[in-house]
Protein backbone atom coordinates (compact mmCIF):
# COMPACT_ATOMS: atom_id res chain seq x y z
CA MET A 1 -7.38 20.88 11.43
CA THR A 2 -5.27 21.66 8.76
CA LEU A 3 -3.32 18.12 6.94
CA MET A 4 0.05 18.76 7.18
CA ILE A 5 2.18 15.81 5.55
CA TYR A 6 5.85 15.35 5.99
CA ASN A 7 7.15 16.58 2.72
CA ASP A 8 11.22 14.45 2.48
CA LEU A 9 11.72 16.88 -0.72
CA THR A 10 12.39 19.96 1.93
CA ARG A 11 12.17 17.66 5.50
CA THR A 12 9.70 19.64 7.22
CA LYS A 13 5.74 19.25 7.38
CA GLU A 14 3.79 21.24 5.20
CA LYS A 15 -0.47 21.83 4.41
CA PHE A 16 -1.69 19.52 2.02
CA VAL A 17 -2.17 21.59 -0.95
CA PRO A 18 -3.30 19.66 -4.47
CA VAL A 19 -2.56 20.84 -7.60
CA ARG A 20 -6.56 20.86 -8.45
CA GLU A 21 -8.72 21.82 -5.91
CA LYS A 22 -10.22 18.77 -3.88
CA HIS A 23 -8.73 16.51 -6.30
CA VAL A 24 -5.07 15.15 -5.53
CA SER A 25 -2.68 13.13 -7.71
CA PHE A 26 -0.96 10.29 -6.60
CA TYR A 27 1.59 7.99 -7.44
CA SER A 28 3.27 4.86 -5.57
CA CYS A 29 5.94 2.49 -6.31
CA GLY A 30 4.49 -1.14 -7.61
CA PRO A 31 6.25 -4.06 -8.07
CA THR A 32 8.32 -6.17 -10.21
CA VAL A 33 6.28 -8.88 -10.75
CA TYR A 34 9.15 -11.59 -10.84
CA ASP A 35 7.98 -12.67 -7.48
CA TYR A 36 6.43 -12.78 -4.68
CA PHE A 37 6.55 -9.58 -3.31
CA HIS A 38 8.33 -9.59 0.05
CA ILE A 39 6.97 -8.14 3.54
CA GLY A 40 9.56 -4.88 3.28
CA ASN A 41 7.19 -3.90 0.24
CA ALA A 42 3.96 -4.92 1.87
CA ARG A 43 4.38 -1.89 4.55
CA PRO A 44 4.61 0.63 1.64
CA PHE A 45 1.50 -0.48 0.28
CA ILE A 46 -0.64 -0.97 3.36
CA VAL A 47 0.15 2.38 4.56
CA PHE A 48 -0.27 4.52 1.96
CA ASP A 49 -3.22 2.87 0.79
CA VAL A 50 -4.51 4.10 4.13
CA LEU A 51 -3.65 7.78 3.25
CA ARG A 52 -5.59 7.60 0.25
CA ARG A 53 -8.39 6.18 2.02
CA TYR A 54 -8.05 9.34 4.36
CA LEU A 55 -7.66 11.80 1.65
CA GLU A 56 -10.66 10.17 0.20
CA HIS A 57 -12.67 10.27 3.18
CA LEU A 58 -12.12 13.70 3.26
CA GLY A 59 -13.50 14.43 0.30
CA TYR A 60 -10.53 14.27 -1.86
CA GLY A 61 -11.28 12.90 -5.87
CA VAL A 62 -8.05 10.44 -5.77
CA THR A 63 -6.49 9.58 -9.11
CA PHE A 64 -3.88 6.40 -7.18
CA VAL A 65 -1.72 5.52 -10.04
CA GLN A 66 0.49 2.07 -9.07
CA ASN A 67 2.76 0.69 -11.71
CA PHE A 68 3.96 -2.63 -12.40
CA THR A 69 7.73 -3.06 -13.55
CA ASP A 70 7.12 -6.24 -15.89
CA ILE A 71 10.52 -6.33 -17.79
CA ASP A 72 14.32 -5.74 -16.14
CA ASP A 73 17.12 -7.90 -15.00
CA LYS A 74 15.47 -10.01 -12.93
CA MET A 75 12.90 -11.07 -14.72
CA ILE A 76 14.73 -11.92 -17.63
CA SER A 77 16.54 -14.01 -16.01
CA ARG A 78 14.13 -16.04 -14.22
CA ALA A 79 12.37 -16.01 -17.46
CA ASN A 80 14.93 -18.11 -19.06
CA ALA A 81 15.71 -20.27 -15.90
CA GLU A 82 12.08 -21.22 -16.34
CA GLY A 83 11.91 -21.75 -20.50
CA ILE A 84 8.90 -18.83 -20.50
CA THR A 85 8.59 -15.92 -21.60
CA VAL A 86 9.24 -12.50 -19.50
CA ALA A 87 5.77 -12.10 -20.25
CA GLN A 88 4.26 -15.04 -19.17
CA LEU A 89 6.70 -14.51 -15.82
CA ALA A 90 4.66 -11.48 -15.04
CA GLU A 91 0.97 -12.08 -15.79
CA ARG A 92 1.51 -14.98 -13.54
CA PHE A 93 3.14 -13.01 -10.79
CA ILE A 94 0.47 -9.88 -11.27
CA ALA A 95 -1.96 -12.43 -10.49
CA GLU A 96 0.15 -13.39 -7.18
CA TYR A 97 0.14 -9.81 -6.48
CA TYR A 98 -3.63 -8.92 -6.38
CA LYS A 99 -4.18 -12.60 -4.55
CA ASP A 100 -1.84 -11.28 -1.46
CA ALA A 101 -2.88 -7.49 -1.38
CA ASP A 102 -6.73 -8.49 -1.80
CA ALA A 103 -6.01 -10.33 1.11
CA LEU A 104 -4.73 -7.49 3.11
CA GLY A 105 -6.71 -5.02 2.25
CA ILE A 106 -5.75 -3.03 0.33
CA HIS A 107 -7.24 -1.36 -2.37
CA ARG A 108 -6.74 -1.43 -6.54
CA ALA A 109 -5.10 1.44 -7.86
CA THR A 110 -7.19 3.96 -10.11
CA ILE A 111 -4.65 2.59 -13.00
CA ALA A 112 -1.67 0.10 -12.78
CA PRO A 113 0.09 0.50 -15.95
CA ARG A 114 2.85 -1.94 -17.13
CA ALA A 115 6.30 -0.67 -18.03
CA THR A 116 6.24 -2.91 -21.48
CA GLU A 117 2.56 -1.47 -22.56
CA HIS A 118 4.23 2.22 -22.40
CA MET A 119 7.10 2.31 -24.82
CA ALA A 120 5.76 5.08 -26.93
CA GLU A 121 5.20 7.06 -23.80
CA ILE A 122 9.01 5.75 -22.30
CA ILE A 123 10.48 6.33 -26.14
CA GLY A 124 8.90 10.05 -25.86
CA ILE A 125 10.12 11.08 -22.82
CA ILE A 126 13.96 10.24 -23.72
CA GLU A 127 13.53 12.31 -27.07
CA LYS A 128 12.40 15.16 -24.86
CA ILE A 129 15.61 14.74 -23.15
CA LEU A 130 18.16 14.57 -25.59
CA GLN A 131 16.76 17.14 -27.24
CA ARG A 132 17.14 19.69 -23.81
CA GLY A 133 20.75 18.70 -23.80
CA HIS A 134 19.85 16.01 -20.96
CA ALA A 135 20.97 12.63 -22.53
CA TYR A 136 24.00 11.22 -24.57
CA VAL A 137 23.63 7.82 -26.66
CA VAL A 138 26.88 5.46 -26.24
CA GLU A 139 27.01 3.22 -29.20
CA THR A 140 27.37 -0.65 -28.44
CA PRO A 141 29.38 -3.40 -30.51
CA SER A 142 25.51 -4.47 -32.04
CA GLY A 143 24.63 -1.47 -32.99
CA SER A 144 22.46 -0.16 -31.20
CA GLY A 145 22.96 2.57 -28.37
CA ASP A 146 22.63 3.06 -24.58
CA VAL A 147 20.90 5.73 -23.91
CA TYR A 148 22.17 8.19 -20.29
CA PHE A 149 20.84 10.47 -18.24
CA ASP A 150 23.98 13.38 -18.03
CA VAL A 151 23.43 14.31 -14.16
CA LYS A 152 26.22 17.01 -14.53
CA SER A 153 24.28 18.70 -16.88
CA TYR A 154 20.65 19.24 -13.96
CA ALA A 155 22.05 21.52 -11.35
CA PRO A 156 19.50 20.25 -9.45
CA TYR A 157 20.41 16.52 -8.62
CA GLY A 158 20.23 15.58 -5.80
CA LYS A 159 18.05 18.00 -4.12
CA LEU A 160 15.88 14.89 -3.15
CA SER A 161 18.64 12.76 -1.26
CA LYS A 162 19.93 16.15 -0.16
CA GLN A 163 23.65 15.29 -1.28
CA SER A 164 26.03 17.23 -3.55
CA LEU A 165 28.00 14.62 -6.53
CA ASP A 166 30.92 14.58 -5.01
CA GLU A 167 28.80 12.69 -1.80
CA LEU A 168 26.89 10.64 -3.52
CA GLU A 169 29.41 9.62 -6.52
CA ALA A 170 31.81 8.36 -3.66
CA GLY A 171 29.14 5.38 -3.63
CA ALA A 172 28.82 4.62 -6.98
CA ARG A 173 29.64 1.35 -9.35
CA VAL A 174 29.94 1.26 -13.08
CA GLU A 175 28.44 -1.68 -13.95
CA VAL A 176 31.22 -3.56 -17.00
CA GLY A 177 30.36 -2.96 -20.35
CA GLU A 178 28.52 0.55 -19.54
CA VAL A 179 30.63 3.46 -20.64
CA LYS A 180 29.51 6.97 -19.43
CA ARG A 181 30.59 9.96 -18.76
CA HIS A 182 30.29 10.18 -15.04
CA PRO A 183 29.90 6.98 -12.67
CA LEU A 184 26.02 8.41 -11.37
CA ASP A 185 24.61 8.83 -15.14
CA PHE A 186 22.43 6.84 -15.04
CA ALA A 187 19.95 4.46 -18.36
CA LEU A 188 17.23 5.80 -19.96
CA TRP A 189 17.87 3.24 -22.94
CA LYS A 190 19.33 0.18 -22.49
CA ALA A 191 20.36 -1.98 -26.14
CA GLY A 192 19.35 -5.33 -26.97
CA LYS A 193 20.72 -7.80 -26.21
CA PRO A 194 20.63 -11.74 -28.18
CA GLY A 195 17.52 -13.41 -25.84
CA GLU A 196 16.16 -10.61 -24.24
CA PRO A 197 12.47 -9.01 -25.43
CA SER A 198 13.74 -5.55 -26.84
CA TRP A 199 11.50 -2.56 -28.30
CA LYS A 200 12.11 -0.81 -31.95
CA SER A 201 13.86 3.22 -30.88
CA PRO A 202 15.51 5.45 -32.57
CA TRP A 203 18.53 4.33 -31.35
CA GLY A 204 18.04 0.31 -32.18
CA ARG A 205 15.84 -1.93 -30.50
CA GLY A 206 16.89 -1.87 -26.96
CA ARG A 207 14.49 -1.65 -23.61
CA PRO A 208 14.27 1.38 -20.74
CA GLY A 209 15.62 1.62 -18.07
CA TRP A 210 14.20 1.30 -14.63
CA HIS A 211 13.86 4.77 -13.39
CA ILE A 212 12.24 6.22 -16.96
CA GLU A 213 9.22 3.82 -16.66
CA CYS A 214 7.75 5.77 -13.27
CA SER A 215 8.69 9.23 -14.97
CA ALA A 216 6.97 8.59 -18.86
CA MET A 217 3.40 6.33 -17.00
CA SER A 218 2.84 9.33 -14.23
CA SER A 219 3.23 11.88 -16.29
CA LYS A 220 0.48 10.56 -18.85
CA TYR A 221 -2.11 9.20 -16.34
CA LEU A 222 -0.93 11.97 -13.80
CA GLY A 223 0.77 15.02 -15.70
CA GLU A 224 3.93 16.76 -15.59
CA THR A 225 3.76 18.18 -11.67
CA ILE A 226 1.33 15.36 -9.67
CA ASP A 227 0.25 15.92 -5.39
CA ILE A 228 2.49 13.17 -3.90
CA HIS A 229 4.21 10.08 -4.99
CA SER A 230 5.49 7.61 -2.08
CA GLY A 231 7.87 4.60 -1.51
CA GLY A 232 9.99 3.16 0.50
CA VAL A 233 12.86 4.97 1.93
CA ASP A 234 15.70 2.52 0.14
CA LEU A 235 13.85 4.40 -3.12
CA THR A 236 15.15 7.88 -2.18
CA PHE A 237 18.55 7.27 -3.88
CA PRO A 238 18.65 6.51 -6.66
CA HIS A 239 15.30 5.61 -8.24
CA HIS A 240 13.18 8.43 -6.88
CA GLU A 241 16.14 11.08 -6.85
CA ASN A 242 16.50 9.65 -11.22
CA GLU A 243 12.78 9.97 -11.67
CA ALA A 244 12.79 13.72 -10.35
CA ALA A 245 15.68 14.72 -12.44
CA GLN A 246 14.31 12.75 -15.90
CA SER A 247 10.86 14.49 -15.22
CA GLU A 248 12.02 17.48 -14.60
CA ALA A 249 14.46 17.30 -17.14
CA ALA A 250 12.05 16.23 -19.95
CA ALA A 251 9.35 19.07 -18.50
CA GLY A 252 11.63 22.20 -19.11
CA SER A 253 10.38 25.21 -17.53
CA GLY A 254 11.74 24.87 -13.79
CA LYS A 255 8.79 22.75 -13.17
CA ASN A 256 8.47 20.36 -9.82
CA PHE A 257 7.75 16.74 -10.60
CA VAL A 258 6.21 16.24 -7.35
CA ASN A 259 5.07 18.37 -4.50
CA TYR A 260 5.21 16.10 -1.99
CA TRP A 261 7.74 12.88 -1.16
CA LEU A 262 6.57 10.76 1.27
CA HIS A 263 8.95 7.35 2.29
CA ASN A 264 8.03 4.52 4.61
CA GLY A 265 10.45 3.59 7.22
CA PHE A 266 12.68 0.23 7.14
CA LEU A 267 10.91 -2.97 8.14
CA LEU A 268 14.03 -5.22 9.98
CA ILE A 269 13.28 -8.94 10.71
CA ASP A 270 14.03 -9.73 14.54
CA LYS A 271 15.95 -6.23 14.41
CA GLY A 272 17.79 -6.44 11.65
CA LYS A 273 17.64 -5.55 7.50
CA MET A 274 15.41 -8.37 5.65
CA SER A 275 18.30 -9.74 3.50
CA LYS A 276 18.33 -13.06 1.13
CA SER A 277 21.67 -13.46 2.08
CA LEU A 278 21.10 -13.68 5.99
CA GLY A 279 18.06 -15.68 5.22
CA ASN A 280 16.20 -13.90 7.08
CA PHE A 281 13.63 -12.90 3.42
CA ILE A 282 10.24 -13.61 4.16
CA THR A 283 7.15 -13.07 1.05
CA ALA A 284 3.47 -11.62 2.25
CA ARG A 285 2.35 -13.92 0.85
CA ALA A 286 4.17 -17.03 4.10
CA ALA A 287 4.15 -14.02 6.06
CA ARG A 288 -0.22 -14.16 6.00
CA GLU A 289 -0.11 -18.23 5.63
CA LYS A 290 1.50 -17.83 9.15
CA TYR A 291 -1.04 -14.69 10.80
CA PRO A 292 -4.02 -13.54 9.60
CA PRO A 293 -4.36 -10.24 6.99
CA LEU A 294 -5.84 -8.46 9.12
CA ALA A 295 -3.17 -8.80 11.93
CA ILE A 296 -0.64 -8.05 9.83
CA ARG A 297 -2.05 -4.43 8.22
CA LEU A 298 -2.95 -3.88 11.96
CA PHE A 299 0.80 -4.44 13.05
CA MET A 300 1.89 -1.53 9.44
CA LEU A 301 -0.21 0.20 10.76
CA SER A 302 1.08 0.10 14.63
CA ALA A 303 4.10 2.29 13.84
CA HIS A 304 4.06 5.84 12.29
CA TYR A 305 5.06 5.19 8.59
CA ARG A 306 8.61 7.19 8.73
CA SER A 307 10.04 5.15 11.78
CA PRO A 308 11.74 1.25 11.28
CA ILE A 309 8.89 -1.02 12.95
CA ASN A 310 10.63 -5.00 14.06
CA PHE A 311 8.72 -7.69 12.21
CA ALA A 312 8.88 -10.36 14.84
CA PRO A 313 6.17 -13.01 16.20
CA GLU A 314 5.85 -11.30 19.21
CA GLY A 315 4.13 -8.08 17.67
CA LEU A 316 1.87 -9.30 15.01
CA GLU A 317 0.82 -11.72 18.02
CA GLN A 318 -0.47 -8.69 19.57
CA ALA A 319 -1.63 -7.62 16.83
CA ALA A 320 -3.59 -10.84 16.00
CA GLY A 321 -5.54 -10.15 19.59
CA GLY A 322 -5.93 -7.11 18.74
CA VAL A 323 -7.68 -7.48 15.61
CA THR A 324 -9.87 -10.22 17.97
CA ARG A 325 -10.17 -7.46 20.51
CA LEU A 326 -12.06 -5.31 17.33
CA ARG A 327 -14.11 -7.79 15.88
CA ASN A 328 -15.55 -9.16 19.35
CA CYS A 329 -16.47 -5.39 19.68
CA TRP A 330 -18.66 -5.61 15.98
CA ALA A 331 -19.88 -8.26 16.79
CA ASP A 332 -21.02 -7.83 20.28
CA LEU A 333 -22.76 -4.69 18.46
CA LEU A 334 -24.75 -6.53 16.03
CA HIS A 335 -26.08 -8.75 18.46
CA ALA A 336 -26.51 -6.81 21.78
CA PRO A 337 -30.39 -6.32 22.27
CA VAL A 338 -32.02 -2.37 21.34
CA GLY A 339 -33.66 -1.09 24.71
CA GLU A 340 -36.30 0.94 24.86
CA GLY A 341 -34.31 4.12 26.03
CA ALA A 342 -33.86 3.88 29.94
CA ASP A 343 -30.71 4.86 29.88
CA GLY A 344 -29.11 8.49 27.98
CA VAL A 345 -26.90 8.52 25.58
CA THR A 346 -25.53 11.58 26.53
CA PRO A 347 -22.04 11.43 28.03
CA PHE A 348 -21.50 8.31 25.39
CA LEU A 349 -22.02 10.33 22.22
CA GLU A 350 -20.08 13.13 24.19
CA GLU A 351 -17.37 10.91 24.82
CA LEU A 352 -17.19 9.73 21.60
CA LYS A 353 -17.35 13.05 19.91
CA ALA A 354 -13.90 14.12 21.37
CA LEU A 355 -12.09 10.50 20.12
CA ASP A 356 -12.99 10.91 17.07
CA GLY A 357 -11.97 15.10 17.08
CA ARG A 358 -8.74 13.00 18.70
CA PHE A 359 -8.60 10.43 15.31
CA TYR A 360 -8.36 13.63 12.93
CA GLU A 361 -6.43 15.77 14.97
CA VAL A 362 -3.92 12.60 14.68
CA MET A 363 -4.48 11.60 10.74
CA ASP A 364 -4.18 15.46 9.94
CA ASP A 365 -0.65 15.64 12.06
CA ASP A 366 1.41 13.85 8.65
CA PHE A 367 -1.07 10.73 8.77
CA ASN A 368 -0.06 9.10 12.55
CA THR A 369 -1.65 5.82 11.74
CA ALA A 370 -0.39 4.62 15.04
CA ALA A 371 -1.90 7.23 17.34
CA ALA A 372 -5.13 6.75 15.11
CA VAL A 373 -4.69 3.04 16.33
CA GLY A 374 -4.25 3.65 19.52
CA VAL A 375 -7.90 6.53 19.62
CA LEU A 376 -9.55 2.92 17.74
CA PHE A 377 -8.59 1.09 20.42
CA GLU A 378 -10.24 3.85 23.20
CA ILE A 379 -13.13 4.16 21.11
CA VAL A 380 -13.55 -0.29 21.35
CA LYS A 381 -12.96 0.37 25.10
CA LEU A 382 -15.28 2.75 25.71
CA VAL A 383 -17.87 1.00 23.25
CA ASN A 384 -17.46 -2.31 25.14
CA THR A 385 -18.17 -0.51 28.66
CA TRP A 386 -21.36 0.74 27.28
CA LEU A 387 -22.54 -2.75 26.37
CA LYS A 388 -22.46 -4.45 29.78
CA ARG A 389 -25.16 -1.97 30.45
CA GLU A 390 -28.81 -3.01 29.91
CA HIS A 391 -31.56 -1.25 27.39
CA LEU A 392 -29.38 0.61 25.73
CA PRO A 393 -31.37 2.94 23.33
CA GLN A 394 -30.65 3.06 19.06
CA ALA A 395 -28.81 6.37 19.54
CA PHE A 396 -26.35 4.08 21.05
CA PHE A 397 -25.62 1.33 18.46
CA ASP A 398 -25.95 4.22 15.54
CA ALA A 399 -23.20 6.25 17.26
CA ALA A 400 -21.40 2.87 17.60
CA GLU A 401 -21.06 1.51 14.69
CA GLY A 402 -21.25 4.85 12.59
CA ALA A 403 -18.19 5.45 14.11
CA LEU A 404 -16.20 1.79 13.94
CA ARG A 405 -17.56 1.63 9.97
CA LYS A 406 -16.12 4.98 9.57
CA TYR A 407 -12.84 3.87 10.84
CA ASP A 408 -12.79 0.88 9.00
CA GLU A 409 -13.19 2.08 5.92
CA ILE A 410 -10.19 4.04 6.43
CA LEU A 411 -8.08 1.75 8.65
CA GLY A 412 -9.42 -1.35 6.68
CA VAL A 413 -8.04 -3.15 10.10
CA ILE A 414 -12.07 -4.62 11.32
CA GLY A 415 -12.57 -6.18 8.03
CA ILE A 416 -16.41 -5.40 8.05
CA GLU A 417 -16.79 -4.90 4.29
CA ALA A 418 -14.62 -8.26 3.57
CA ALA A 419 -17.95 -10.47 3.74
CA PRO A 420 -17.36 -13.61 3.15
CA ASP A 421 -20.39 -15.36 -0.34
CA ILE A 422 -23.24 -14.44 2.47
CA ASP A 423 -25.57 -12.13 2.82
CA ALA A 424 -26.38 -11.65 7.42
CA ASP A 425 -30.03 -12.56 6.24
CA GLU A 426 -29.42 -16.25 5.34
CA ILE A 427 -27.05 -16.43 8.18
CA LYS A 428 -29.89 -15.25 10.62
CA ARG A 429 -32.25 -18.10 9.01
CA LEU A 430 -28.97 -20.95 9.70
CA ILE A 431 -28.98 -20.26 12.73
CA GLU A 432 -32.78 -20.69 13.74
CA GLU A 433 -32.41 -24.02 12.29
CA ARG A 434 -29.44 -24.81 14.10
CA ALA A 435 -31.51 -23.50 16.86
CA ALA A 436 -34.50 -25.62 16.36
CA VAL A 437 -32.26 -28.55 15.20
CA ARG A 438 -30.59 -28.53 18.75
CA LYS A 439 -33.84 -28.15 20.60
CA ASP A 440 -35.43 -31.78 19.02
CA LYS A 441 -31.51 -32.93 19.84
CA ASN A 442 -30.48 -33.17 15.67
CA PHE A 443 -27.00 -33.14 16.76
CA ALA A 444 -25.80 -33.85 14.01
CA ARG A 445 -27.29 -31.43 11.86
CA SER A 446 -26.34 -28.42 13.90
CA ASP A 447 -23.25 -29.97 13.49
CA GLU A 448 -23.24 -30.08 10.14
CA ILE A 449 -25.00 -25.94 9.48
CA ARG A 450 -22.21 -24.79 12.17
CA ASP A 451 -19.45 -26.86 10.25
CA ALA A 452 -20.64 -25.26 6.68
CA LEU A 453 -21.13 -21.66 8.02
CA LEU A 454 -17.09 -22.11 8.66
CA ALA A 455 -16.73 -22.88 5.36
CA ARG A 456 -17.95 -19.57 3.78
CA GLY A 457 -16.39 -17.70 6.29
CA ILE A 458 -18.68 -17.68 9.45
CA VAL A 459 -17.93 -18.66 13.22
CA LEU A 460 -20.62 -19.24 15.41
CA GLU A 461 -20.42 -18.01 19.71
CA ASP A 462 -23.16 -20.41 21.91
CA THR A 463 -23.75 -17.68 25.05
CA PRO A 464 -26.26 -17.95 27.57
CA HIS A 465 -27.98 -15.51 25.68
CA GLY A 466 -28.11 -17.10 21.95
CA THR A 467 -25.48 -17.73 19.62
CA LYS A 468 -23.72 -14.57 18.14
CA TRP A 469 -22.01 -14.92 14.33
CA LYS A 470 -18.34 -13.67 13.36
CA ARG A 471 -16.96 -13.45 10.66
CA LYS A 472 -13.68 -15.25 10.79
CA LEU A 473 -9.51 -13.36 10.31
């Protein structure tokens, strides 16, 4: 199979061919760190984490860049309200981002740049845009200048959102104090205001506009043309449209900024768009306090990434049940006795191979995690059916464990590698000690061992065939 990706730039599925053979440059929009990220943000973080994992599984080296926006109006407003600096607010919520992202199994970016640490690059790219005649400076009463991108100077503007300037202008608005040639012109640099953080620039002290940071940081770490750029569908316009325009205007020579644009569909709350004004806004922190993180991850992957998905209790509860089924299958594999090879496993291996082929088929077809999750559960059903047999040979366990490990490395919904601070040998020793003290009717010590393991994320289950253990969700 050939990996095919739906490219929002062309609105078609295309064969994936990276700029550099066997290496992928991948930029994904990160959070503005003025608060905990919401569950809608969690969707692109999770689904594009899986795309990255799958590319790595296919043998690509992946440089994955995800930025932190650590200066903007919302950050300034909240920092002022709390009586702290914007930098202190950013530090706090970057740390909180990692707590939630790590819990949701999101691998950390290869590079996680911050806007405030790249002012030289931001100013440099703005200077290039000005030199090429695609931007202009407007003086402000403070004596510093605002710098705006001139959309009418850049003929391809609107190519990503597939709309003309006239169509886009219908929804444009001009903020108070802005002096622009065209309503769609957007700020590359904003003149500084009293009480706001600012940096020295050729146009006076000020700070960058929102869009320019991504262009500056992606070009620094990934080059002028990158393979994949991802984010939520709500970023298509204006953010990604503006990114593309300013990046290509700065580069010149007809260079393409991004070869494959990927956007995930909206996450709905009870079938409505999530909104603070509607009171249906939920952070990822609140969601994972209510539902197991692996269940949230499985839920997000159970729909095609380009489709909308409804975040509702019944869906999360179903996903939690699914994770339990996956983890029980893994625990049963770990504890089942190995036989002497009395039962041949050729039929199992053949069916597993067919399902494995199906897994790659659906993942290569525009990264269809919904179908891939379905294949995973078919494999679990197959494994559970065979586990009912006795005297299963080592070949069965090697194949079944290898398959589940592989799919978990890609999808991250079983949690095999999410181990607590205890290894299998210590768990085995404590289970054996517990069996011995139970035999001596020392139930106080037995309960003490069980509770100590539970506190370290290990759940014990006493069965007629002995004590099994598994990691807590």
